[in-house]
N, C-alpha and C. Protein backbone atom coordinates (compact mmCIF):
# COMPACT_ATOMS: atom_id res chain seq x y z
N MET A 1 72.42 80.48 15.38
CA MET A 1 71.89 80.14 16.69
C MET A 1 72.53 78.85 17.18
N SER A 2 73.09 78.89 18.34
CA SER A 2 73.74 77.71 18.90
C SER A 2 72.73 76.81 19.58
N THR A 3 72.95 75.47 19.47
CA THR A 3 72.10 74.51 20.15
C THR A 3 72.98 73.62 21.04
N SER A 4 73.91 74.23 21.76
CA SER A 4 74.82 73.51 22.64
C SER A 4 74.06 72.68 23.65
N THR A 5 74.55 71.43 23.88
CA THR A 5 73.90 70.54 24.85
C THR A 5 74.04 71.08 26.26
N ALA A 6 74.88 72.10 26.48
CA ALA A 6 75.04 72.69 27.81
C ALA A 6 73.83 73.56 28.16
N ALA A 7 73.07 73.98 27.15
CA ALA A 7 71.90 74.82 27.37
C ALA A 7 70.73 73.98 27.88
N PRO A 8 69.80 74.58 28.62
CA PRO A 8 68.61 73.84 29.07
C PRO A 8 67.87 73.25 27.88
N ALA A 9 67.18 72.13 28.12
CA ALA A 9 66.50 71.42 27.02
C ALA A 9 65.52 72.31 26.27
N SER A 10 64.71 73.09 27.01
CA SER A 10 63.72 73.94 26.35
C SER A 10 64.39 75.01 25.49
N GLU A 11 65.55 75.51 25.94
CA GLU A 11 66.27 76.52 25.17
C GLU A 11 66.83 75.90 23.88
N ARG A 12 67.31 74.67 23.98
CA ARG A 12 67.82 73.99 22.78
C ARG A 12 66.71 73.76 21.76
N VAL A 13 65.53 73.38 22.25
CA VAL A 13 64.40 73.19 21.35
C VAL A 13 64.00 74.51 20.72
N TYR A 14 63.93 75.55 21.53
CA TYR A 14 63.56 76.88 21.04
C TYR A 14 64.50 77.33 19.92
N GLU A 15 65.78 77.22 20.15
CA GLU A 15 66.76 77.64 19.15
C GLU A 15 66.68 76.77 17.89
N HIS A 16 66.50 75.47 18.09
CA HIS A 16 66.43 74.54 16.96
C HIS A 16 65.25 74.87 16.06
N VAL A 17 64.06 75.03 16.65
CA VAL A 17 62.86 75.29 15.85
C VAL A 17 62.90 76.68 15.24
N LYS A 18 63.31 77.68 16.03
CA LYS A 18 63.35 79.05 15.52
C LYS A 18 64.34 79.17 14.37
N HIS A 19 65.49 78.54 14.52
CA HIS A 19 66.50 78.55 13.47
C HIS A 19 65.92 77.97 12.18
N ALA A 20 65.20 76.85 12.30
CA ALA A 20 64.62 76.21 11.12
C ALA A 20 63.58 77.10 10.45
N ILE A 21 62.80 77.83 11.25
CA ILE A 21 61.78 78.71 10.70
C ILE A 21 62.41 79.91 10.00
N LEU A 22 63.38 80.54 10.66
CA LEU A 22 63.99 81.74 10.09
C LEU A 22 64.83 81.44 8.86
N ARG A 23 65.38 80.23 8.78
CA ARG A 23 66.16 79.84 7.61
C ARG A 23 65.28 79.30 6.49
N GLY A 24 63.99 79.07 6.77
CA GLY A 24 63.11 78.55 5.74
C GLY A 24 63.07 77.05 5.66
N ASP A 25 63.77 76.36 6.57
CA ASP A 25 63.74 74.90 6.57
C ASP A 25 62.36 74.39 6.99
N ARG A 26 61.69 75.16 7.84
CA ARG A 26 60.29 74.91 8.17
C ARG A 26 59.50 76.12 7.67
N ALA A 27 58.97 75.99 6.48
CA ALA A 27 58.32 77.12 5.82
C ALA A 27 56.96 77.42 6.42
N GLY A 28 56.46 78.64 6.13
CA GLY A 28 55.14 79.02 6.59
C GLY A 28 54.10 78.03 6.09
N GLY A 29 53.20 77.61 6.98
CA GLY A 29 52.18 76.64 6.62
C GLY A 29 52.56 75.20 6.94
N THR A 30 53.82 74.99 7.36
CA THR A 30 54.28 73.64 7.71
C THR A 30 53.75 73.24 9.08
N PHE A 31 53.24 72.00 9.16
CA PHE A 31 52.74 71.48 10.43
C PHE A 31 53.70 70.43 10.95
N PHE A 32 53.96 70.45 12.27
CA PHE A 32 54.83 69.45 12.87
C PHE A 32 54.34 69.12 14.27
N THR A 33 54.77 67.97 14.77
CA THR A 33 54.31 67.51 16.08
C THR A 33 55.40 67.68 17.13
N GLU A 34 54.99 67.64 18.40
CA GLU A 34 55.94 67.70 19.50
C GLU A 34 56.90 66.53 19.43
N GLY A 35 56.37 65.36 19.09
CA GLY A 35 57.21 64.17 19.00
C GLY A 35 58.30 64.30 17.96
N GLN A 36 57.98 64.89 16.81
CA GLN A 36 58.98 65.08 15.76
C GLN A 36 60.13 65.95 16.25
N VAL A 37 59.77 67.05 16.90
CA VAL A 37 60.80 67.96 17.40
C VAL A 37 61.61 67.30 18.51
N GLY A 38 60.93 66.58 19.40
CA GLY A 38 61.63 65.89 20.48
C GLY A 38 62.66 64.92 19.94
N ASP A 39 62.29 64.19 18.89
CA ASP A 39 63.23 63.23 18.28
C ASP A 39 64.41 63.95 17.64
N GLU A 40 64.13 65.10 17.02
CA GLU A 40 65.20 65.85 16.35
C GLU A 40 66.23 66.36 17.34
N VAL A 41 65.76 66.83 18.49
CA VAL A 41 66.67 67.43 19.48
C VAL A 41 67.13 66.41 20.51
N GLY A 42 66.37 65.33 20.65
CA GLY A 42 66.72 64.31 21.63
C GLY A 42 66.28 64.64 23.04
N VAL A 43 65.04 65.17 23.15
CA VAL A 43 64.51 65.54 24.45
C VAL A 43 63.07 65.03 24.58
N SER A 44 62.52 65.12 25.80
CA SER A 44 61.13 64.71 26.03
C SER A 44 60.18 65.80 25.55
N ARG A 45 58.88 65.52 25.64
CA ARG A 45 57.91 66.47 25.13
C ARG A 45 57.73 67.70 26.03
N THR A 46 58.05 67.58 27.30
CA THR A 46 57.85 68.72 28.21
C THR A 46 58.65 69.95 27.78
N PRO A 47 59.97 69.83 27.55
CA PRO A 47 60.70 71.03 27.09
C PRO A 47 60.27 71.48 25.71
N VAL A 48 59.76 70.55 24.89
CA VAL A 48 59.26 70.93 23.57
C VAL A 48 58.06 71.85 23.73
N ARG A 49 57.14 71.48 24.63
CA ARG A 49 55.95 72.31 24.87
C ARG A 49 56.35 73.69 25.36
N GLU A 50 57.33 73.75 26.27
CA GLU A 50 57.78 75.03 26.80
C GLU A 50 58.33 75.92 25.69
N ALA A 51 59.11 75.32 24.82
CA ALA A 51 59.72 76.08 23.72
C ALA A 51 58.67 76.55 22.73
N LEU A 52 57.70 75.69 22.43
CA LEU A 52 56.67 76.07 21.47
C LEU A 52 55.76 77.16 22.01
N LEU A 53 55.50 77.14 23.29
CA LEU A 53 54.72 78.22 23.90
C LEU A 53 55.44 79.56 23.75
N ARG A 54 56.75 79.52 23.92
CA ARG A 54 57.55 80.73 23.76
C ARG A 54 57.51 81.23 22.32
N LEU A 55 57.60 80.29 21.38
CA LEU A 55 57.55 80.66 19.97
C LEU A 55 56.17 81.17 19.57
N GLU A 56 55.14 80.66 20.23
CA GLU A 56 53.79 81.13 19.96
C GLU A 56 53.63 82.59 20.38
N THR A 57 54.22 82.95 21.53
CA THR A 57 54.12 84.35 21.99
C THR A 57 54.85 85.29 21.04
N GLU A 58 55.81 84.78 20.30
CA GLU A 58 56.55 85.59 19.33
C GLU A 58 55.85 85.62 17.97
N GLY A 59 54.75 84.88 17.85
CA GLY A 59 53.99 84.90 16.62
C GLY A 59 54.55 84.02 15.52
N LEU A 60 55.48 83.13 15.87
CA LEU A 60 56.10 82.28 14.84
C LEU A 60 55.35 80.98 14.60
N VAL A 61 54.67 80.47 15.62
CA VAL A 61 53.89 79.26 15.46
C VAL A 61 52.51 79.42 16.09
N ALA A 62 51.58 78.60 15.63
CA ALA A 62 50.25 78.51 16.24
C ALA A 62 50.11 77.09 16.76
N LEU A 63 49.72 76.95 18.03
CA LEU A 63 49.65 75.64 18.66
C LEU A 63 48.25 75.05 18.58
N TYR A 64 48.20 73.74 18.35
CA TYR A 64 46.96 72.99 18.32
C TYR A 64 47.08 71.87 19.34
N PRO A 65 46.42 72.00 20.50
CA PRO A 65 46.54 71.03 21.59
C PRO A 65 46.35 69.59 21.13
N LYS A 66 47.27 68.73 21.57
CA LYS A 66 47.27 67.30 21.29
C LYS A 66 47.47 66.96 19.81
N LYS A 67 47.80 67.98 19.02
CA LYS A 67 48.05 67.75 17.60
C LYS A 67 49.47 68.17 17.20
N GLY A 68 49.81 69.44 17.47
CA GLY A 68 51.13 69.92 17.10
C GLY A 68 51.15 71.41 16.91
N ALA A 69 51.99 71.87 16.01
CA ALA A 69 52.15 73.30 15.79
C ALA A 69 52.24 73.60 14.30
N LEU A 70 51.75 74.77 13.94
CA LEU A 70 51.80 75.23 12.55
C LEU A 70 52.70 76.45 12.48
N VAL A 71 53.62 76.45 11.53
CA VAL A 71 54.45 77.62 11.30
C VAL A 71 53.56 78.69 10.68
N VAL A 72 53.43 79.83 11.35
CA VAL A 72 52.52 80.87 10.88
C VAL A 72 53.05 81.50 9.59
N PRO A 73 52.31 81.38 8.50
CA PRO A 73 52.78 81.98 7.25
C PRO A 73 52.66 83.50 7.29
N VAL A 74 53.51 84.16 6.52
CA VAL A 74 53.47 85.63 6.45
C VAL A 74 52.51 86.04 5.35
N THR A 75 51.47 86.77 5.72
CA THR A 75 50.52 87.26 4.73
C THR A 75 51.03 88.57 4.12
N PRO A 76 50.52 88.95 2.94
CA PRO A 76 50.92 90.24 2.36
C PRO A 76 50.65 91.41 3.31
N ARG A 77 49.53 91.35 4.04
CA ARG A 77 49.22 92.43 4.98
C ARG A 77 50.25 92.50 6.09
N GLU A 78 50.64 91.31 6.64
CA GLU A 78 51.62 91.31 7.71
C GLU A 78 52.97 91.80 7.21
N ALA A 79 53.34 91.39 5.99
CA ALA A 79 54.61 91.85 5.42
C ALA A 79 54.65 93.37 5.36
N HIS A 80 53.54 93.97 4.94
CA HIS A 80 53.46 95.44 4.90
C HIS A 80 53.59 96.02 6.30
N GLU A 81 52.87 95.43 7.25
CA GLU A 81 52.88 95.97 8.62
C GLU A 81 54.25 95.82 9.28
N VAL A 82 54.93 94.70 9.02
CA VAL A 82 56.27 94.49 9.58
C VAL A 82 57.22 95.57 9.07
N LEU A 83 57.23 95.80 7.77
CA LEU A 83 58.14 96.79 7.20
C LEU A 83 57.74 98.20 7.61
N GLU A 84 56.45 98.45 7.72
CA GLU A 84 55.99 99.77 8.15
C GLU A 84 56.43 100.05 9.58
N ALA A 85 56.30 99.04 10.46
CA ALA A 85 56.74 99.21 11.85
C ALA A 85 58.25 99.38 11.93
N ARG A 86 58.96 98.64 11.10
CA ARG A 86 60.41 98.77 11.06
C ARG A 86 60.80 100.19 10.62
N LEU A 87 60.06 100.73 9.67
CA LEU A 87 60.32 102.09 9.19
C LEU A 87 60.19 103.11 10.32
N VAL A 88 59.13 102.96 11.10
CA VAL A 88 58.90 103.90 12.21
C VAL A 88 60.02 103.80 13.25
N ILE A 89 60.38 102.58 13.63
CA ILE A 89 61.39 102.40 14.67
C ILE A 89 62.77 102.86 14.20
N GLU A 90 63.13 102.51 12.97
CA GLU A 90 64.47 102.87 12.50
C GLU A 90 64.63 104.36 12.29
N GLU A 91 63.59 105.02 11.81
CA GLU A 91 63.69 106.47 11.65
C GLU A 91 63.83 107.14 13.02
N TRP A 92 63.04 106.68 13.99
CA TRP A 92 63.14 107.20 15.36
C TRP A 92 64.51 106.92 15.95
N ALA A 93 64.99 105.69 15.78
CA ALA A 93 66.27 105.28 16.37
C ALA A 93 67.44 106.06 15.78
N ALA A 94 67.37 106.35 14.49
CA ALA A 94 68.47 107.09 13.85
C ALA A 94 68.65 108.45 14.51
N GLY A 95 67.55 109.11 14.81
CA GLY A 95 67.65 110.41 15.47
C GLY A 95 68.19 110.30 16.88
N ARG A 96 67.74 109.30 17.61
CA ARG A 96 68.18 109.13 19.00
C ARG A 96 69.63 108.64 19.08
N ALA A 97 70.05 107.83 18.12
CA ALA A 97 71.40 107.24 18.14
C ALA A 97 72.48 108.23 17.72
N TRP A 98 72.08 109.34 17.12
CA TRP A 98 73.06 110.31 16.62
C TRP A 98 74.03 110.76 17.70
N ALA A 99 73.53 110.93 18.92
CA ALA A 99 74.40 111.38 20.02
C ALA A 99 75.47 110.36 20.37
N GLU A 100 75.25 109.09 19.99
CA GLU A 100 76.20 108.02 20.31
C GLU A 100 77.02 107.62 19.08
N ARG A 101 77.05 108.48 18.07
CA ARG A 101 77.64 108.09 16.79
C ARG A 101 79.12 107.73 16.85
N ALA A 102 79.87 108.33 17.75
CA ALA A 102 81.31 108.04 17.81
C ALA A 102 81.55 106.56 18.12
N ASP A 103 80.83 106.01 19.08
CA ASP A 103 80.96 104.59 19.41
C ASP A 103 80.20 103.73 18.41
N LEU A 104 79.05 104.22 17.96
CA LEU A 104 78.22 103.43 17.05
C LEU A 104 78.92 103.13 15.75
N VAL A 105 79.62 104.11 15.22
CA VAL A 105 80.25 103.91 13.91
C VAL A 105 81.30 102.79 13.97
N VAL A 106 81.93 102.60 15.11
CA VAL A 106 82.91 101.51 15.25
C VAL A 106 82.20 100.17 15.11
N ASP A 107 81.06 100.03 15.79
CA ASP A 107 80.29 98.79 15.69
C ASP A 107 79.80 98.55 14.28
N LEU A 108 79.31 99.60 13.65
CA LEU A 108 78.75 99.45 12.31
C LEU A 108 79.82 99.07 11.29
N ARG A 109 81.00 99.59 11.44
CA ARG A 109 82.08 99.21 10.52
C ARG A 109 82.42 97.72 10.66
N GLY A 110 82.34 97.22 11.90
CA GLY A 110 82.60 95.80 12.12
C GLY A 110 81.54 94.94 11.45
N HIS A 111 80.28 95.32 11.58
CA HIS A 111 79.19 94.57 10.95
C HIS A 111 79.28 94.64 9.43
N LEU A 112 79.67 95.81 8.92
CA LEU A 112 79.81 95.96 7.47
C LEU A 112 80.92 95.06 6.95
N ALA A 113 82.03 95.00 7.69
CA ALA A 113 83.14 94.13 7.27
C ALA A 113 82.68 92.68 7.20
N THR A 114 81.86 92.27 8.16
CA THR A 114 81.32 90.91 8.15
C THR A 114 80.43 90.69 6.94
N MET A 115 79.63 91.69 6.60
CA MET A 115 78.79 91.60 5.41
C MET A 115 79.63 91.42 4.15
N VAL A 116 80.69 92.21 4.05
CA VAL A 116 81.56 92.13 2.87
C VAL A 116 82.21 90.74 2.77
N ASP A 117 82.67 90.22 3.90
CA ASP A 117 83.28 88.88 3.90
C ASP A 117 82.26 87.81 3.51
N ALA A 118 81.04 87.93 4.03
CA ALA A 118 80.00 86.96 3.73
C ALA A 118 79.62 87.00 2.25
N LYS A 119 79.57 88.21 1.70
CA LYS A 119 79.27 88.34 0.27
C LYS A 119 80.35 87.67 -0.57
N ALA A 120 81.60 87.87 -0.19
CA ALA A 120 82.71 87.27 -0.93
C ALA A 120 82.65 85.75 -0.89
N ALA A 121 82.16 85.21 0.23
CA ALA A 121 82.06 83.77 0.41
C ALA A 121 80.73 83.21 -0.08
N ASP A 122 79.87 84.10 -0.62
CA ASP A 122 78.53 83.71 -1.05
C ASP A 122 77.75 83.07 0.09
N ASP A 123 77.95 83.61 1.28
CA ASP A 123 77.29 83.12 2.49
C ASP A 123 76.06 83.98 2.74
N VAL A 124 74.92 83.58 2.16
CA VAL A 124 73.71 84.38 2.25
C VAL A 124 73.22 84.51 3.69
N ALA A 125 73.25 83.40 4.41
CA ALA A 125 72.78 83.41 5.80
C ALA A 125 73.66 84.33 6.65
N GLY A 126 74.97 84.22 6.48
CA GLY A 126 75.89 85.06 7.24
C GLY A 126 75.72 86.53 6.88
N PHE A 127 75.46 86.80 5.61
CA PHE A 127 75.25 88.18 5.17
C PHE A 127 74.00 88.75 5.82
N SER A 128 72.92 87.97 5.81
CA SER A 128 71.65 88.43 6.39
C SER A 128 71.80 88.70 7.89
N GLU A 129 72.53 87.83 8.57
CA GLU A 129 72.72 88.00 10.01
C GLU A 129 73.53 89.26 10.31
N ALA A 130 74.56 89.53 9.50
CA ALA A 130 75.37 90.74 9.70
C ALA A 130 74.57 91.99 9.37
N ASP A 131 73.75 91.92 8.33
CA ASP A 131 72.88 93.03 7.96
C ASP A 131 71.93 93.34 9.11
N ARG A 132 71.35 92.30 9.67
CA ARG A 132 70.44 92.49 10.81
C ARG A 132 71.18 93.08 12.01
N ALA A 133 72.38 92.59 12.29
CA ALA A 133 73.16 93.09 13.43
C ALA A 133 73.50 94.57 13.24
N PHE A 134 73.75 94.97 12.01
CA PHE A 134 74.05 96.38 11.69
C PHE A 134 72.91 97.27 12.17
N HIS A 135 71.69 96.93 11.78
CA HIS A 135 70.54 97.76 12.13
C HIS A 135 70.16 97.64 13.59
N GLU A 136 70.33 96.45 14.16
CA GLU A 136 70.04 96.30 15.59
C GLU A 136 70.98 97.15 16.43
N ALA A 137 72.21 97.35 15.95
CA ALA A 137 73.16 98.19 16.68
C ALA A 137 72.68 99.64 16.72
N ILE A 138 72.08 100.10 15.63
CA ILE A 138 71.56 101.47 15.60
C ILE A 138 70.39 101.61 16.56
N VAL A 139 69.49 100.63 16.54
CA VAL A 139 68.33 100.67 17.43
C VAL A 139 68.78 100.59 18.89
N ALA A 140 69.75 99.73 19.16
CA ALA A 140 70.25 99.59 20.53
C ALA A 140 70.88 100.89 21.01
N ALA A 141 71.56 101.59 20.12
CA ALA A 141 72.22 102.85 20.49
C ALA A 141 71.21 103.93 20.86
N ALA A 142 69.96 103.76 20.44
CA ALA A 142 68.92 104.73 20.79
C ALA A 142 68.58 104.65 22.27
N GLY A 143 68.91 103.54 22.92
CA GLY A 143 68.79 103.45 24.37
C GLY A 143 67.42 103.11 24.93
N ASN A 144 66.55 102.49 24.12
CA ASN A 144 65.23 102.10 24.62
C ASN A 144 65.11 100.58 24.48
N SER A 145 65.15 99.86 25.61
CA SER A 145 65.17 98.40 25.57
C SER A 145 63.87 97.81 25.05
N VAL A 146 62.75 98.50 25.30
CA VAL A 146 61.46 98.01 24.80
C VAL A 146 61.43 98.07 23.27
N MET A 147 61.87 99.19 22.72
CA MET A 147 61.94 99.34 21.27
C MET A 147 62.88 98.30 20.66
N ALA A 148 64.02 98.08 21.33
CA ALA A 148 65.00 97.13 20.82
C ALA A 148 64.41 95.72 20.78
N ARG A 149 63.66 95.36 21.81
CA ARG A 149 63.04 94.04 21.86
C ARG A 149 61.98 93.89 20.76
N GLN A 150 61.16 94.91 20.57
CA GLN A 150 60.16 94.86 19.52
C GLN A 150 60.81 94.79 18.14
N TYR A 151 61.92 95.51 18.00
CA TYR A 151 62.61 95.52 16.71
C TYR A 151 63.15 94.13 16.37
N ARG A 152 63.69 93.43 17.37
CA ARG A 152 64.21 92.08 17.13
C ARG A 152 63.09 91.16 16.65
N MET A 153 61.91 91.29 17.21
CA MET A 153 60.77 90.48 16.78
C MET A 153 60.36 90.82 15.35
N LEU A 154 60.42 92.09 15.00
CA LEU A 154 60.11 92.50 13.63
C LEU A 154 61.10 91.89 12.65
N ARG A 155 62.37 91.88 13.02
CA ARG A 155 63.36 91.33 12.12
C ARG A 155 63.22 89.82 11.98
N ASP A 156 62.75 89.16 13.05
CA ASP A 156 62.45 87.72 12.94
C ASP A 156 61.39 87.49 11.86
N ARG A 157 60.33 88.28 11.90
CA ARG A 157 59.27 88.12 10.91
C ARG A 157 59.76 88.49 9.51
N GLN A 158 60.65 89.48 9.42
CA GLN A 158 61.17 89.82 8.10
C GLN A 158 62.01 88.68 7.55
N MET A 159 62.73 87.99 8.41
CA MET A 159 63.50 86.84 7.95
C MET A 159 62.58 85.75 7.42
N CYS A 160 61.39 85.62 8.02
CA CYS A 160 60.40 84.67 7.51
C CYS A 160 59.91 85.10 6.14
N ILE A 161 59.74 86.41 5.94
CA ILE A 161 59.34 86.92 4.64
C ILE A 161 60.38 86.55 3.59
N LEU A 162 61.64 86.74 3.95
CA LEU A 162 62.73 86.40 3.03
C LEU A 162 62.80 84.91 2.78
N ALA A 163 62.58 84.11 3.82
CA ALA A 163 62.63 82.66 3.69
C ALA A 163 61.53 82.16 2.77
N ASP A 164 60.37 82.82 2.82
CA ASP A 164 59.23 82.40 2.01
C ASP A 164 59.30 82.94 0.58
N GLY A 165 60.13 83.94 0.34
CA GLY A 165 60.13 84.56 -0.97
C GLY A 165 61.52 84.91 -1.47
N ILE A 166 61.79 86.22 -1.48
CA ILE A 166 63.03 86.71 -2.07
C ILE A 166 64.23 86.42 -1.18
N ARG A 167 65.25 85.82 -1.74
CA ARG A 167 66.49 85.62 -1.01
C ARG A 167 67.57 86.55 -1.59
N ALA A 168 68.57 86.79 -0.80
CA ALA A 168 69.63 87.71 -1.24
C ALA A 168 70.37 87.15 -2.45
N SER A 169 70.60 87.99 -3.43
CA SER A 169 71.40 87.64 -4.60
C SER A 169 72.66 88.48 -4.56
N ALA A 170 73.58 88.20 -5.48
CA ALA A 170 74.83 88.97 -5.51
C ALA A 170 74.55 90.46 -5.72
N SER A 171 73.59 90.77 -6.60
CA SER A 171 73.29 92.17 -6.87
C SER A 171 72.64 92.84 -5.66
N ARG A 172 71.77 92.12 -4.97
CA ARG A 172 71.13 92.69 -3.79
C ARG A 172 72.15 92.91 -2.68
N MET A 173 73.09 91.97 -2.53
CA MET A 173 74.12 92.12 -1.50
C MET A 173 75.01 93.31 -1.82
N THR A 174 75.36 93.48 -3.09
CA THR A 174 76.17 94.62 -3.49
C THR A 174 75.45 95.93 -3.19
N HIS A 175 74.16 95.96 -3.50
CA HIS A 175 73.35 97.15 -3.22
C HIS A 175 73.31 97.44 -1.72
N ALA A 176 73.15 96.38 -0.92
CA ALA A 176 73.06 96.56 0.54
C ALA A 176 74.37 97.08 1.11
N VAL A 177 75.49 96.55 0.63
CA VAL A 177 76.80 97.01 1.11
C VAL A 177 76.97 98.50 0.81
N THR A 178 76.61 98.90 -0.40
CA THR A 178 76.72 100.32 -0.77
C THR A 178 75.84 101.19 0.12
N ALA A 179 74.61 100.73 0.38
CA ALA A 179 73.68 101.51 1.21
C ALA A 179 74.18 101.63 2.64
N HIS A 180 74.77 100.57 3.16
CA HIS A 180 75.28 100.61 4.53
C HIS A 180 76.53 101.49 4.63
N ARG A 181 77.32 101.52 3.58
CA ARG A 181 78.48 102.41 3.57
C ARG A 181 78.01 103.87 3.60
N THR A 182 76.91 104.14 2.90
CA THR A 182 76.36 105.50 2.90
C THR A 182 75.91 105.89 4.31
N LEU A 183 75.27 104.98 5.01
CA LEU A 183 74.84 105.28 6.38
C LEU A 183 76.03 105.59 7.28
N ILE A 184 77.10 104.82 7.14
CA ILE A 184 78.29 105.06 7.95
C ILE A 184 78.93 106.40 7.58
N ARG A 185 78.97 106.70 6.29
CA ARG A 185 79.56 107.96 5.85
C ARG A 185 78.78 109.15 6.43
N LEU A 186 77.46 109.04 6.44
CA LEU A 186 76.66 110.14 6.98
C LEU A 186 76.83 110.28 8.48
N LEU A 187 77.10 109.18 9.16
CA LEU A 187 77.36 109.25 10.60
C LEU A 187 78.64 110.02 10.90
N THR A 188 79.60 109.91 10.01
CA THR A 188 80.90 110.55 10.25
C THR A 188 81.05 111.90 9.56
N GLU A 189 80.34 112.09 8.44
CA GLU A 189 80.55 113.32 7.67
C GLU A 189 79.28 114.13 7.44
N GLY A 190 78.13 113.52 7.69
CA GLY A 190 76.88 114.21 7.39
C GLY A 190 76.26 114.88 8.61
N THR A 191 74.98 115.17 8.48
CA THR A 191 74.24 115.78 9.58
C THR A 191 73.23 114.78 10.13
N ARG A 192 72.69 115.11 11.30
CA ARG A 192 71.69 114.25 11.91
C ARG A 192 70.49 114.09 10.98
N ALA A 193 70.04 115.17 10.38
CA ALA A 193 68.89 115.12 9.48
C ALA A 193 69.16 114.23 8.28
N GLU A 194 70.37 114.30 7.74
CA GLU A 194 70.72 113.46 6.59
C GLU A 194 70.73 111.98 6.98
N PHE A 195 71.25 111.67 8.17
CA PHE A 195 71.31 110.28 8.62
C PHE A 195 69.90 109.73 8.84
N VAL A 196 69.04 110.53 9.44
CA VAL A 196 67.66 110.10 9.68
C VAL A 196 66.95 109.89 8.34
N ARG A 197 67.14 110.80 7.43
CA ARG A 197 66.48 110.71 6.12
C ARG A 197 66.96 109.47 5.36
N GLU A 198 68.25 109.19 5.42
CA GLU A 198 68.79 108.03 4.71
C GLU A 198 68.34 106.73 5.37
N SER A 199 68.20 106.74 6.69
CA SER A 199 67.72 105.54 7.39
C SER A 199 66.30 105.21 6.95
N ARG A 200 65.47 106.23 6.81
CA ARG A 200 64.11 106.01 6.33
C ARG A 200 64.12 105.50 4.89
N ALA A 201 64.93 106.13 4.06
CA ALA A 201 65.00 105.74 2.65
C ALA A 201 65.48 104.30 2.50
N HIS A 202 66.37 103.87 3.40
CA HIS A 202 66.91 102.52 3.35
C HIS A 202 65.80 101.49 3.55
N VAL A 203 64.92 101.73 4.51
CA VAL A 203 63.81 100.79 4.76
C VAL A 203 62.78 100.87 3.64
N GLN A 204 62.53 102.06 3.14
CA GLN A 204 61.60 102.20 2.02
C GLN A 204 62.10 101.43 0.80
N ASP A 205 63.41 101.45 0.60
CA ASP A 205 64.00 100.69 -0.50
C ASP A 205 63.78 99.18 -0.28
N ALA A 206 63.92 98.74 0.96
CA ALA A 206 63.68 97.32 1.28
C ALA A 206 62.24 96.95 0.98
N MET A 207 61.31 97.84 1.28
CA MET A 207 59.90 97.60 0.99
C MET A 207 59.69 97.43 -0.51
N ASP A 208 60.33 98.29 -1.30
CA ASP A 208 60.20 98.21 -2.74
C ASP A 208 60.79 96.91 -3.28
N ARG A 209 61.94 96.52 -2.76
CA ARG A 209 62.61 95.31 -3.25
C ARG A 209 61.87 94.05 -2.86
N LEU A 210 61.15 94.09 -1.74
CA LEU A 210 60.37 92.94 -1.31
C LEU A 210 58.96 92.96 -1.90
N GLY A 211 58.67 94.01 -2.66
CA GLY A 211 57.35 94.09 -3.26
C GLY A 211 56.26 94.40 -2.26
N VAL A 212 56.63 95.11 -1.18
CA VAL A 212 55.66 95.46 -0.13
C VAL A 212 55.18 96.88 -0.40
N ALA A 213 53.89 97.03 -0.59
CA ALA A 213 53.34 98.37 -0.86
C ALA A 213 53.50 99.27 0.35
N ARG A 214 53.83 100.53 0.13
CA ARG A 214 53.99 101.49 1.24
C ARG A 214 52.62 101.98 1.72
């Protein structure tokens, strides 16, 4: 996430705080004040309030008037619900995106290449971002902007789950690369039913690896 000084102050604050939350620098349960954030970004409290209100609507922080904000921790129940919702959207999107597979596979190969490069560089953050972009491309190809927006919010919360607990290891990255190659292969050589089934299995595997009960 870029925090270029060319962006409006509230946008810079939003990106700064959200980046810290998704990377785990501000873990669930952490409390901070508007003044702290203002000092970090170099802005007044007004744009800080605007940014925090936006983050509150996304469920990332809880605001306490005249006190500050709390990073909302991910509960086991929410972790289950996030992955369950992701399962529903991705299975639906796989079926809808099949008609766009000729263009989609080009995008997915690019994201996979980025994942492979990030793994080689032991760049966990870069790997996670490319992994997320891979799946967002499939959801976007389904052609429903509301679903795509909801999916992005789900992935934000999943990144919080990862930040609070399991982080990618070399073995997990290797497993993910193999699984994504399978999805691409099915797009080019398989059937629609096989691609949908594998998309569902992919999220179910993520649930198992994160210890989230189905």
